[in-house]
PDB file of N, CA and C in Angstrom:
ATOM      1  N   UNK A   1      92.420  90.469 107.383  1.00  0.00           N
ATOM      2  CA  UNK A   1      92.932  89.765 107.563  1.00  0.00           C
ATOM      3  C   UNK A   1      93.247  88.543 106.962  1.00  0.00           C
ATOM      4  N   UNK A   2      92.037  88.464 105.374  1.00  0.00           N
ATOM      5  CA  UNK A   2      91.414  87.300 104.680  1.00  0.00           C
ATOM      6  C   UNK A   2      92.612  87.418 103.488  1.00  0.00           C
ATOM      7  N   UNK A   3      93.004  88.465 103.024  1.00  0.00           N
ATOM      8  CA  UNK A   3      93.910  88.891 102.433  1.00  0.00           C
ATOM      9  C   UNK A   3      95.924  88.790 102.947  1.00  0.00           C
ATOM     10  N   UNK A   4      95.173  89.547 104.422  1.00  0.00           N
ATOM     11  CA  UNK A   4      96.567  89.783 104.765  1.00  0.00           C
ATOM     12  C   UNK A   4      98.218  88.911 104.070  1.00  0.00           C
ATOM     13  N   UNK A   5      98.338  87.562 104.011  1.00  0.00           N
ATOM     14  CA  UNK A   5      98.900  87.036 103.303  1.00  0.00           C
ATOM     15  C   UNK A   5      99.406  87.185 101.140  1.00  0.00           C
ATOM     16  N   UNK A   6      98.011  88.077 100.512  1.00  0.00           N
ATOM     17  CA  UNK A   6      98.147  87.661  99.569  1.00  0.00           C
ATOM     18  C   UNK A   6      99.150  89.417  99.202  1.00  0.00           C
ATOM     19  N   UNK A   7      98.649  90.613 100.029  1.00  0.00           N
ATOM     20  CA  UNK A   7      98.867  91.174 100.705  1.00  0.00           C
ATOM     21  C   UNK A   7     101.419  91.584 100.324  1.00  0.00           C
ATOM     22  N   UNK A   8     101.234  90.170 101.931  1.00  0.00           N
ATOM     23  CA  UNK A   8     102.565  90.975 101.754  1.00  0.00           C
ATOM     24  C   UNK A   8     103.093  89.527 101.251  1.00  0.00           C
ATOM     25  N   UNK A   9     102.900  89.063  99.482  1.00  0.00           N
ATOM     26  CA  UNK A   9     103.114  88.412  97.993  1.00  0.00           C
ATOM     27  C   UNK A   9     102.634  88.913  98.213  1.00  0.00           C
ATOM     28  N   UNK A  10     102.768  90.703  97.169  1.00  0.00           N
ATOM     29  CA  UNK A  10     102.494  91.407  96.471  1.00  0.00           C
ATOM     30  C   UNK A  10     104.097  92.162  96.762  1.00  0.00           C
ATOM     31  N   UNK A  11     104.447  92.513  98.266  1.00  0.00           N
ATOM     32  CA  UNK A  11     105.010  93.500  98.749  1.00  0.00           C
ATOM     33  C   UNK A  11     106.700  92.429  98.675  1.00  0.00           C
ATOM     34  N   UNK A  12     106.979  91.032  98.030  1.00  0.00           N
ATOM     35  CA  UNK A  12     106.897  90.304  98.319  1.00  0.00           C
ATOM     36  C   UNK A  12     107.904  90.482  96.091  1.00  0.00           C
ATOM     37  N   UNK A  13     106.156  89.868  95.454  1.00  0.00           N
ATOM     38  CA  UNK A  13     106.227  90.145  94.220  1.00  0.00           C
ATOM     39  C   UNK A  13     107.488  91.673  93.819  1.00  0.00           C
ATOM     40  N   UNK A  14     106.994  92.130  94.118  1.00  0.00           N
ATOM     41  CA  UNK A  14     107.142  94.015  93.866  1.00  0.00           C
ATOM     42  C   UNK A  14     108.839  94.629  94.527  1.00  0.00           C
ATOM     43  N   UNK A  15     109.283  93.943  95.333  1.00  0.00           N
ATOM     44  CA  UNK A  15     110.518  94.420  96.137  1.00  0.00           C
ATOM     45  C   UNK A  15     110.147  95.409  95.502  1.00  0.00           C
ATOM     46  N   UNK A  16     111.437  96.090  94.743  1.00  0.00           N
ATOM     47  CA  UNK A  16     111.340  97.120  94.052  1.00  0.00           C
ATOM     48  C   UNK A  16     110.881  98.826  94.358  1.00  0.00           C
ATOM     49  N   UNK A  17     109.149  98.234  93.980  1.00  0.00           N
ATOM     50  CA  UNK A  17     108.534  99.612  93.828  1.00  0.00           C
ATOM     51  C   UNK A  17     107.598  99.383  94.522  1.00  0.00           C
ATOM     52  N   UNK A  18     107.315  98.463  95.708  1.00  0.00           N
ATOM     53  CA  UNK A  18     106.263  98.563  96.607  1.00  0.00           C
ATOM     54  C   UNK A  18     106.526  97.900  98.148  1.00  0.00           C
ATOM     55  N   UNK A  19     106.539  99.065  98.940  1.00  0.00           N
ATOM     56  CA  UNK A  19     106.900  98.937  99.857  1.00  0.00           C
ATOM     57  C   UNK A  19     105.117  98.718 101.050  1.00  0.00           C
ATOM     58  N   UNK A  20     105.510  97.703 102.338  1.00  0.00           N
ATOM     59  CA  UNK A  20     104.026  97.378 103.169  1.00  0.00           C
ATOM     60  C   UNK A  20     104.488  97.212 104.152  1.00  0.00           C
ATOM     61  N   UNK A  21     103.659  97.706 104.714  1.00  0.00           N
ATOM     62  CA  UNK A  21     103.703  97.730 105.916  1.00  0.00           C
ATOM     63  C   UNK A  21     102.953  97.855 106.684  1.00  0.00           C
ATOM     64  N   UNK A  22     102.736  96.739 107.734  1.00  0.00           N
ATOM     65  CA  UNK A  22     101.260  96.477 108.762  1.00  0.00           C
ATOM     66  C   UNK A  22     101.037  96.872 109.587  1.00  0.00           C
ATOM     67  N   UNK A  23      99.734  97.822 109.500  1.00  0.00           N
ATOM     68  CA  UNK A  23      99.882  97.707 111.562  1.00  0.00           C
ATOM     69  C   UNK A  23      98.742  97.588 111.829  1.00  0.00           C
ATOM     70  N   UNK A  24      98.853  97.494 113.071  1.00  0.00           N
ATOM     71  CA  UNK A  24      97.723  96.464 114.006  1.00  0.00           C
ATOM     72  C   UNK A  24      97.319  97.156 114.405  1.00  0.00           C
ATOM     73  N   UNK A  25      95.640  97.218 113.792  1.00  0.00           N
ATOM     74  CA  UNK A  25      94.545  98.300 115.372  1.00  0.00           C
ATOM     75  C   UNK A  25      94.101  97.376 116.893  1.00  0.00           C
ATOM     76  N   UNK A  26      95.285  96.046 117.228  1.00  0.00           N
ATOM     77  CA  UNK A  26      94.967  95.346 117.914  1.00  0.00           C
ATOM     78  C   UNK A  26      95.224  96.333 119.736  1.00  0.00           C
ATOM     79  N   UNK A  27      94.994  95.895 120.418  1.00  0.00           N
ATOM     80  CA  UNK A  27      95.811  96.302 121.527  1.00  0.00           C
ATOM     81  C   UNK A  27      97.094  96.714 121.845  1.00  0.00           C
ATOM     82  N   UNK A  28      97.645  97.256 122.804  1.00  0.00           N
ATOM     83  CA  UNK A  28      99.110  97.747 122.686  1.00  0.00           C
ATOM     84  C   UNK A  28      99.871  96.127 123.755  1.00  0.00           C
ATOM     85  N   UNK A  29      98.401  95.864 124.853  1.00  0.00           N
ATOM     86  CA  UNK A  29      99.320  94.949 125.669  1.00  0.00           C
ATOM     87  C   UNK A  29      98.661  93.035 124.887  1.00  0.00           C
ATOM     88  N   UNK A  30      98.406  92.726 123.035  1.00  0.00           N
ATOM     89  CA  UNK A  30      98.483  92.133 122.290  1.00  0.00           C
ATOM     90  C   UNK A  30     100.068  91.998 121.298  1.00  0.00           C
ATOM     91  N   UNK A  31     100.991  93.331 122.127  1.00  0.00           N
ATOM     92  CA  UNK A  31     102.210  93.504 121.508  1.00  0.00           C
ATOM     93  C   UNK A  31     102.513  92.292 120.796  1.00  0.00           C
ATOM     94  N   UNK A  32     102.892  90.866 121.748  1.00  0.00           N
ATOM     95  CA  UNK A  32     103.636  90.030 122.242  1.00  0.00           C
ATOM     96  C   UNK A  32     103.560  89.215 121.243  1.00  0.00           C
ATOM     97  N   UNK A  33     101.850  89.246 120.895  1.00  0.00           N
ATOM     98  CA  UNK A  33     101.047  87.806 119.899  1.00  0.00           C
ATOM     99  C   UNK A  33     101.122  88.273 118.415  1.00  0.00           C
ATOM    100  N   UNK A  34     101.086  89.788 118.089  1.00  0.00           N
ATOM    101  CA  UNK A  34     101.387  90.737 117.372  1.00  0.00           C
ATOM    102  C   UNK A  34     102.744  90.447 117.022  1.00  0.00           C
ATOM    103  N   UNK A  35     103.111  90.431 117.102  1.00  0.00           N
ATOM    104  CA  UNK A  35     104.634  90.620 116.774  1.00  0.00           C
ATOM    105  C   UNK A  35     105.027  88.443 116.730  1.00  0.00           C
ATOM    106  N   UNK A  36     104.688  87.397 117.321  1.00  0.00           N
ATOM    107  CA  UNK A  36     103.708  86.293 116.860  1.00  0.00           C
ATOM    108  C   UNK A  36     103.892  85.919 115.712  1.00  0.00           C
ATOM    109  N   UNK A  37     102.399  86.165 114.975  1.00  0.00           N
ATOM    110  CA  UNK A  37     101.842  86.056 114.273  1.00  0.00           C
ATOM    111  C   UNK A  37     102.937  86.257 112.487  1.00  0.00           C
ATOM    112  N   UNK A  38     103.142  87.747 112.778  1.00  0.00           N
ATOM    113  CA  UNK A  38     104.218  88.100 111.750  1.00  0.00           C
ATOM    114  C   UNK A  38     105.399  88.238 111.900  1.00  0.00           C
ATOM    115  N   UNK A  39     105.999  86.857 112.690  1.00  0.00           N
ATOM    116  CA  UNK A  39     106.875  86.136 112.416  1.00  0.00           C
ATOM    117  C   UNK A  39     106.640  85.086 111.632  1.00  0.00           C
ATOM    118  N   UNK A  40     106.093  84.196 112.072  1.00  0.00           N
ATOM    119  CA  UNK A  40     105.013  83.740 111.558  1.00  0.00           C
ATOM    120  C   UNK A  40     104.620  83.021 110.291  1.00  0.00           C
ATOM    121  N   UNK A  41     103.782  85.258 110.034  1.00  0.00           N
ATOM    122  CA  UNK A  41     104.346  84.742 108.320  1.00  0.00           C
ATOM    123  C   UNK A  41     105.558  85.422 107.743  1.00  0.00           C
ATOM    124  N   UNK A  42     106.579  85.733 108.304  1.00  0.00           N
ATOM    125  CA  UNK A  42     107.682  85.829 107.566  1.00  0.00           C
ATOM    126  C   UNK A  42     107.553  87.231 107.364  1.00  0.00           C
ATOM    127  N   UNK A  43     106.942  87.952 108.208  1.00  0.00           N
ATOM    128  CA  UNK A  43     106.654  89.256 108.031  1.00  0.00           C
ATOM    129  C   UNK A  43     108.623  89.736 108.445  1.00  0.00           C
ATOM    130  N   UNK A  44     108.833  91.003 107.426  1.00  0.00           N
ATOM    131  CA  UNK A  44     109.488  91.903 107.801  1.00  0.00           C
ATOM    132  C   UNK A  44     109.998  93.194 107.525  1.00  0.00           C
ATOM    133  N   UNK A  45     110.615  94.158 107.828  1.00  0.00           N
ATOM    134  CA  UNK A  45     110.544  95.221 108.156  1.00  0.00           C
ATOM    135  C   UNK A  45     109.531  96.174 108.942  1.00  0.00           C
ATOM    136  N   UNK A  46     109.104  97.151 108.205  1.00  0.00           N
ATOM    137  CA  UNK A  46     108.436  98.244 109.670  1.00  0.00           C
ATOM    138  C   UNK A  46     106.348  97.273 109.654  1.00  0.00           C
ATOM    139  N   UNK A  47     106.660  97.250 111.035  1.00  0.00           N
ATOM    140  CA  UNK A  47     104.687  97.891 111.073  1.00  0.00           C
ATOM    141  C   UNK A  47     104.613  97.894 112.657  1.00  0.00           C
ATOM    142  N   UNK A  48     103.393  98.181 112.943  1.00  0.00           N
ATOM    143  CA  UNK A  48     103.730  98.821 113.980  1.00  0.00           C
ATOM    144  C   UNK A  48     102.289  98.617 114.626  1.00  0.00           C
ATOM    145  N   UNK A  49     101.714  99.013 115.785  1.00  0.00           N
ATOM    146  CA  UNK A  49     100.724  98.022 116.622  1.00  0.00           C
ATOM    147  C   UNK A  49     100.390  99.308 117.248  1.00  0.00           C
ATOM    148  N   UNK A  50      98.877  99.914 117.438  1.00  0.00           N
ATOM    149  CA  UNK A  50      97.944 101.362 117.528  1.00  0.00           C
ATOM    150  C   UNK A  50      97.815 101.340 118.880  1.00  0.00           C
ATOM    151  N   UNK A  51      98.744 103.049 119.303  1.00  0.00           N
ATOM    152  CA  UNK A  51      98.625 102.759 121.297  1.00  0.00           C
ATOM    153  C   UNK A  51      98.231 104.382 121.053  1.00  0.00           C
ATOM    154  N   UNK A  52      97.597 104.662 119.794  1.00  0.00           N
ATOM    155  CA  UNK A  52      96.565 105.429 120.812  1.00  0.00           C
ATOM    156  C   UNK A  52      95.084 105.028 120.709  1.00  0.00           C
ATOM    157  N   UNK A  53      94.354 105.993 120.994  1.00  0.00           N
ATOM    158  CA  UNK A  53      92.323 105.578 122.140  1.00  0.00           C
ATOM    159  C   UNK A  53      92.582 105.926 120.761  1.00  0.00           C
ATOM    160  N   UNK A  54      90.879 104.497 120.169  1.00  0.00           N
ATOM    161  CA  UNK A  54      90.133 104.788 118.748  1.00  0.00           C
ATOM    162  C   UNK A  54      90.406 105.531 117.553  1.00  0.00           C
ATOM    163  N   UNK A  55      88.859 106.554 118.557  1.00  0.00           N
ATOM    164  CA  UNK A  55      89.412 107.788 117.089  1.00  0.00           C
ATOM    165  C   UNK A  55      90.239 108.459 116.498  1.00  0.00           C
ATOM    166  N   UNK A  56      90.892 108.605 117.895  1.00  0.00           N
ATOM    167  CA  UNK A  56      92.587 109.265 117.550  1.00  0.00           C
ATOM    168  C   UNK A  56      93.844 108.293 116.621  1.00  0.00           C
ATOM    169  N   UNK A  57      93.322 106.731 116.680  1.00  0.00           N
ATOM    170  CA  UNK A  57      94.045 106.705 115.923  1.00  0.00           C
ATOM    171  C   UNK A  57      93.719 106.481 113.838  1.00  0.00           C
ATOM    172  N   UNK A  58      92.356 106.382 114.545  1.00  0.00           N
ATOM    173  CA  UNK A  58      91.844 105.793 113.756  1.00  0.00           C
ATOM    174  C   UNK A  58      91.499 107.514 112.077  1.00  0.00           C
ATOM    175  N   UNK A  59      91.758 107.936 113.058  1.00  0.00           N
ATOM    176  CA  UNK A  59      91.707 109.603 112.513  1.00  0.00           C
ATOM    177  C   UNK A  59      93.083 110.481 110.931  1.00  0.00           C
ATOM    178  N   UNK A  60      94.270 109.586 112.623  1.00  0.00           N
ATOM    179  CA  UNK A  60      95.181 109.883 112.156  1.00  0.00           C
ATOM    180  C   UNK A  60      95.949 109.134 110.754  1.00  0.00           C
ATOM    181  N   UNK A  61      94.913 107.969 110.396  1.00  0.00           N
ATOM    182  CA  UNK A  61      95.633 107.025 109.313  1.00  0.00           C
ATOM    183  C   UNK A  61      94.914 108.389 107.423  1.00  0.00           C
ATOM    184  N   UNK A  62      93.349 108.259 107.658  1.00  0.00           N
ATOM    185  CA  UNK A  62      92.865 109.005 107.210  1.00  0.00           C
ATOM    186  C   UNK A  62      91.069 109.280 108.118  1.00  0.00           C
ATOM    187  N   UNK A  63      91.061 110.585 107.761  1.00  0.00           N
ATOM    188  CA  UNK A  63      89.656 111.024 108.262  1.00  0.00           C
ATOM    189  C   UNK A  63      87.984 110.316 107.142  1.00  0.00           C
ATOM    190  N   UNK A  64      88.594 109.882 106.287  1.00  0.00           N
ATOM    191  CA  UNK A  64      86.995 109.400 105.902  1.00  0.00           C
ATOM    192  C   UNK A  64      86.701 107.442 106.421  1.00  0.00           C
ATOM    193  N   UNK A  65      88.007 106.785 106.763  1.00  0.00           N
ATOM    194  CA  UNK A  65      87.310 106.086 107.930  1.00  0.00           C
ATOM    195  C   UNK A  65      87.420 105.526 108.758  1.00  0.00           C
ATOM    196  N   UNK A  66      86.316 105.277 108.455  1.00  0.00           N
ATOM    197  CA  UNK A  66      85.587 105.027 109.801  1.00  0.00           C
ATOM    198  C   UNK A  66      86.121 103.680 110.578  1.00  0.00           C
ATOM    199  N   UNK A  67      86.807 103.144 110.584  1.00  0.00           N
ATOM    200  CA  UNK A  67      87.416 102.541 112.111  1.00  0.00           C
ATOM    201  C   UNK A  67      87.148 100.049 111.777  1.00  0.00           C
ATOM    202  N   UNK A  68      85.923 100.130 110.678  1.00  0.00           N
ATOM    203  CA  UNK A  68      86.705  99.769 109.900  1.00  0.00           C
ATOM    204  C   UNK A  68      87.657  98.408 109.511  1.00  0.00           C
ATOM    205  N   UNK A  69      87.413  97.620 110.052  1.00  0.00           N
ATOM    206  CA  UNK A  69      88.971  96.901 109.123  1.00  0.00           C
ATOM    207  C   UNK A  69      88.364  95.015 108.274  1.00  0.00           C
ATOM    208  N   UNK A  70      89.533  95.762 107.927  1.00  0.00           N
ATOM    209  CA  UNK A  70      91.082  95.841 107.230  1.00  0.00           C
ATOM    210  C   UNK A  70      90.740  97.118 106.397  1.00  0.00           C
ATOM    211  N   UNK A  71      91.618  97.683 106.220  1.00  0.00           N
ATOM    212  CA  UNK A  71      92.037  99.477 105.595  1.00  0.00           C
ATOM    213  C   UNK A  71      92.910  99.078 104.911  1.00  0.00           C
ATOM    214  N   UNK A  72      92.500  99.846 103.584  1.00  0.00           N
ATOM    215  CA  UNK A  72      94.456  99.919 103.112  1.00  0.00           C
ATOM    216  C   UNK A  72      94.226 101.750 102.554  1.00  0.00           C
ATOM    217  N   UNK A  73      95.035 101.426 102.790  1.00  0.00           N
ATOM    218  CA  UNK A  73      95.733 103.756 102.033  1.00  0.00           C
ATOM    219  C   UNK A  73      97.553 102.171 100.932  1.00  0.00           C
ATOM    220  N   UNK A  74      96.522 102.774  98.819  1.00  0.00           N
ATOM    221  CA  UNK A  74      98.335 102.136  98.882  1.00  0.00           C
ATOM    222  C   UNK A  74      99.197 104.399  98.005  1.00  0.00           C
ATOM    223  N   UNK A  75      99.897 104.438  98.548  1.00  0.00           N
ATOM    224  CA  UNK A  75     100.390 105.733  98.133  1.00  0.00           C
ATOM    225  C   UNK A  75     101.114 105.256  96.625  1.00  0.00           C
ATOM    226  N   UNK A  76     101.123 106.872  96.169  1.00  0.00           N
ATOM    227  CA  UNK A  76     102.186 106.813  94.948  1.00  0.00           C
ATOM    228  C   UNK A  76     103.129 106.582  95.300  1.00  0.00           C
ATOM    229  N   UNK A  77     104.336 106.200  94.773  1.00  0.00           N
ATOM    230  CA  UNK A  77     106.224 105.321  95.037  1.00  0.00           C
ATOM    231  C   UNK A  77     106.606 106.536  94.875  1.00  0.00           C
ATOM    232  N   UNK A  78     106.585 107.951  94.239  1.00  0.00           N
ATOM    233  CA  UNK A  78     107.366 108.500  93.691  1.00  0.00           C
ATOM    234  C   UNK A  78     106.174 109.954  94.245  1.00  0.00           C
ATOM    235  N   UNK A  79     105.048 109.959  94.231  1.00  0.00           N
ATOM    236  CA  UNK A  79     103.859 111.645  94.185  1.00  0.00           C
ATOM    237  C   UNK A  79     104.332 111.090  96.022  1.00  0.00           C
ATOM    238  N   UNK A  80     103.718 109.475  96.349  1.00  0.00           N
ATOM    239  CA  UNK A  80     103.589 110.232  98.119  1.00  0.00           C
ATOM    240  C   UNK A  80     102.214 109.961  98.476  1.00  0.00           C
ATOM    241  N   UNK A  81     101.504 110.596  97.370  1.00  0.00           N
ATOM    242  CA  UNK A  81      99.647 110.891  97.133  1.00  0.00           C
ATOM    243  C   UNK A  81      98.850 109.594  97.359  1.00  0.00           C
ATOM    244  N   UNK A  82      98.042 110.013  97.599  1.00  0.00           N
ATOM    245  CA  UNK A  82      96.566 109.170  97.998  1.00  0.00           C
ATOM    246  C   UNK A  82      96.385 108.039  96.257  1.00  0.00           C
ATOM    247  N   UNK A  83      97.141 106.908  96.770  1.00  0.00           N
ATOM    248  CA  UNK A  83      96.317 106.442  95.046  1.00  0.00           C
ATOM    249  C   UNK A  83      94.319 106.099  95.402  1.00  0.00           C
ATOM    250  N   UNK A  84      94.830 105.227  96.771  1.00  0.00           N
ATOM    251  CA  UNK A  84      93.553 104.924  96.382  1.00  0.00           C
ATOM    252  C   UNK A  84      93.323 104.095  98.116  1.00  0.00           C
ATOM    253  N   UNK A  85      92.259 104.579  98.013  1.00  0.00           N
ATOM    254  CA  UNK A  85      92.140 103.813  99.874  1.00  0.00           C
ATOM    255  C   UNK A  85      90.778 102.706 100.881  1.00  0.00           C
ATOM    256  N   UNK A  86      90.954 101.968 100.338  1.00  0.00           N
ATOM    257  CA  UNK A  86      89.206 101.280 101.039  1.00  0.00           C
ATOM    258  C   UNK A  86      89.648 100.734 102.603  1.00  0.00           C
ATOM    259  N   UNK A  87      88.275 100.686 102.607  1.00  0.00           N
ATOM    260  CA  UNK A  87      87.569  99.455 103.935  1.00  0.00           C
ATOM    261  C   UNK A  87      87.373  98.159 103.389  1.00  0.00           C
ATOM    262  N   UNK A  88      87.712  96.715 104.034  1.00  0.00           N
ATOM    263  CA  UNK A  88      87.096  95.555 104.335  1.00  0.00           C
ATOM    264  C   UNK A  88      87.852  95.333 102.928  1.00  0.00           C
ATOM    265  N   UNK A  89      87.921  93.785 102.419  1.00  0.00           N
ATOM    266  CA  UNK A  89      88.362  92.650 101.428  1.00  0.00           C
ATOM    267  C   UNK A  89      87.812  93.710  99.958  1.00  0.00           C
ATOM    268  N   UNK A  90      88.874  93.441  99.963  1.00  0.00           N
ATOM    269  CA  UNK A  90      88.820  93.307  98.066  1.00  0.00           C
ATOM    270  C   UNK A  90      89.305  92.743  97.006  1.00  0.00           C
ATOM    271  N   UNK A  91      89.689  92.272  95.819  1.00  0.00           N
ATOM    272  CA  UNK A  91      89.385  91.637  95.751  1.00  0.00           C
ATOM    273  C   UNK A  91      91.162  91.629  94.433  1.00  0.00           C
ATOM    274  N   UNK A  92      91.025  90.393  94.636  1.00  0.00           N
ATOM    275  CA  UNK A  92      92.914  90.558  94.414  1.00  0.00           C
ATOM    276  C   UNK A  92      93.385  90.985  93.018  1.00  0.00           C
ATOM    277  N   UNK A  93      92.322  91.240  92.320  1.00  0.00           N
ATOM    278  CA  UNK A  93      93.231  91.635  91.174  1.00  0.00           C
ATOM    279  C   UNK A  93      92.570  93.190  90.770  1.00  0.00           C
ATOM    280  N   UNK A  94      92.147  93.663  92.109  1.00  0.00           N
ATOM    281  CA  UNK A  94      91.576  95.407  92.871  1.00  0.00           C
ATOM    282  C   UNK A  94      92.870  95.864  93.251  1.00  0.00           C
ATOM    283  N   UNK A  95      93.321  95.246  94.278  1.00  0.00           N
ATOM    284  CA  UNK A  95      95.372  95.023  94.903  1.00  0.00           C
ATOM    285  C   UNK A  95      95.770  95.850  93.584  1.00  0.00           C
ATOM    286  N   UNK A  96      96.405  94.241  92.967  1.00  0.00           N
ATOM    287  CA  UNK A  96      97.405  94.774  92.576  1.00  0.00           C
ATOM    288  C   UNK A  96      97.026  95.566  91.354  1.00  0.00           C
ATOM    289  N   UNK A  97      96.011  95.761  90.663  1.00  0.00           N
ATOM    290  CA  UNK A  97      95.669  97.303  89.710  1.00  0.00           C
ATOM    291  C   UNK A  97      96.387  98.492  89.827  1.00  0.00           C
ATOM    292  N   UNK A  98      95.523  98.967  91.993  1.00  0.00           N
ATOM    293  CA  UNK A  98      96.290  99.535  92.092  1.00  0.00           C
ATOM    294  C   UNK A  98      97.524  99.979  92.475  1.00  0.00           C
ATOM    295  N   UNK A  99      98.403  99.077  93.098  1.00  0.00           N
ATOM    296  CA  UNK A  99      99.324  99.549  93.492  1.00  0.00           C
ATOM    297  C   UNK A  99     100.521  99.329  92.200  1.00  0.00           C
ATOM    298  N   UNK A 100     100.299  98.152  90.324  1.00  0.00           N
ATOM    299  CA  UNK A 100     100.812  99.062  89.936  1.00  0.00           C
ATOM    300  C   UNK A 100     100.490 100.359  89.363  1.00  0.00           C
ATOM    301  N   UNK A 101      99.200 101.324  89.648  1.00  0.00           N
ATOM    302  CA  UNK A 101      98.866 102.387  89.368  1.00  0.00           C
ATOM    303  C   UNK A 101      99.916 103.462  90.492  1.00  0.00           C
ATOM    304  N   UNK A 102     100.013 102.657  91.461  1.00  0.00           N
ATOM    305  CA  UNK A 102     101.116 103.616  92.452  1.00  0.00           C
ATOM    306  C   UNK A 102     102.464 103.132  92.273  1.00  0.00           C
ATOM    307  N   UNK A 103     102.795 102.521  91.942  1.00  0.00           N
ATOM    308  CA  UNK A 103     104.610 102.308  91.608  1.00  0.00           C
ATOM    309  C   UNK A 103     105.054 103.559  90.187  1.00  0.00           C
ATOM    310  N   UNK A 104     103.132 103.628  89.983  1.00  0.00           N
ATOM    311  CA  UNK A 104     104.320 105.691  89.169  1.00  0.00           C
ATOM    312  C   UNK A 104     103.765 106.170  88.829  1.00  0.00           C
ATOM    313  N   UNK A 105     103.136 106.378  90.102  1.00  0.00           N
ATOM    314  CA  UNK A 105     102.460 107.810  90.221  1.00  0.00           C
ATOM    315  C   UNK A 105     103.867 107.922  91.590  1.00  0.00           C
TER     316      UNK A 105
END
């Protein structure tokens, strides 16, 4: 959650080249709180909330994901292939380097 504002700012900075989609692992019953949070952070565009059992939800994103949060997947802009993925927080420099690599793939 700590990197949320930074990731959101990357979406604005690389507006035409980066599409940021937020997926909440909160329970569906918490949908209103999730929407309120996104609104308070000025997030528009696509976002999703978990509506499947934990294991199914986790494996639906990536088989190597253990379920630890946050979890980030970066796809190539043109190729659609996974450029990098990671659990837990990473330094802002890693985000920027990965995004810039993804923009060119």
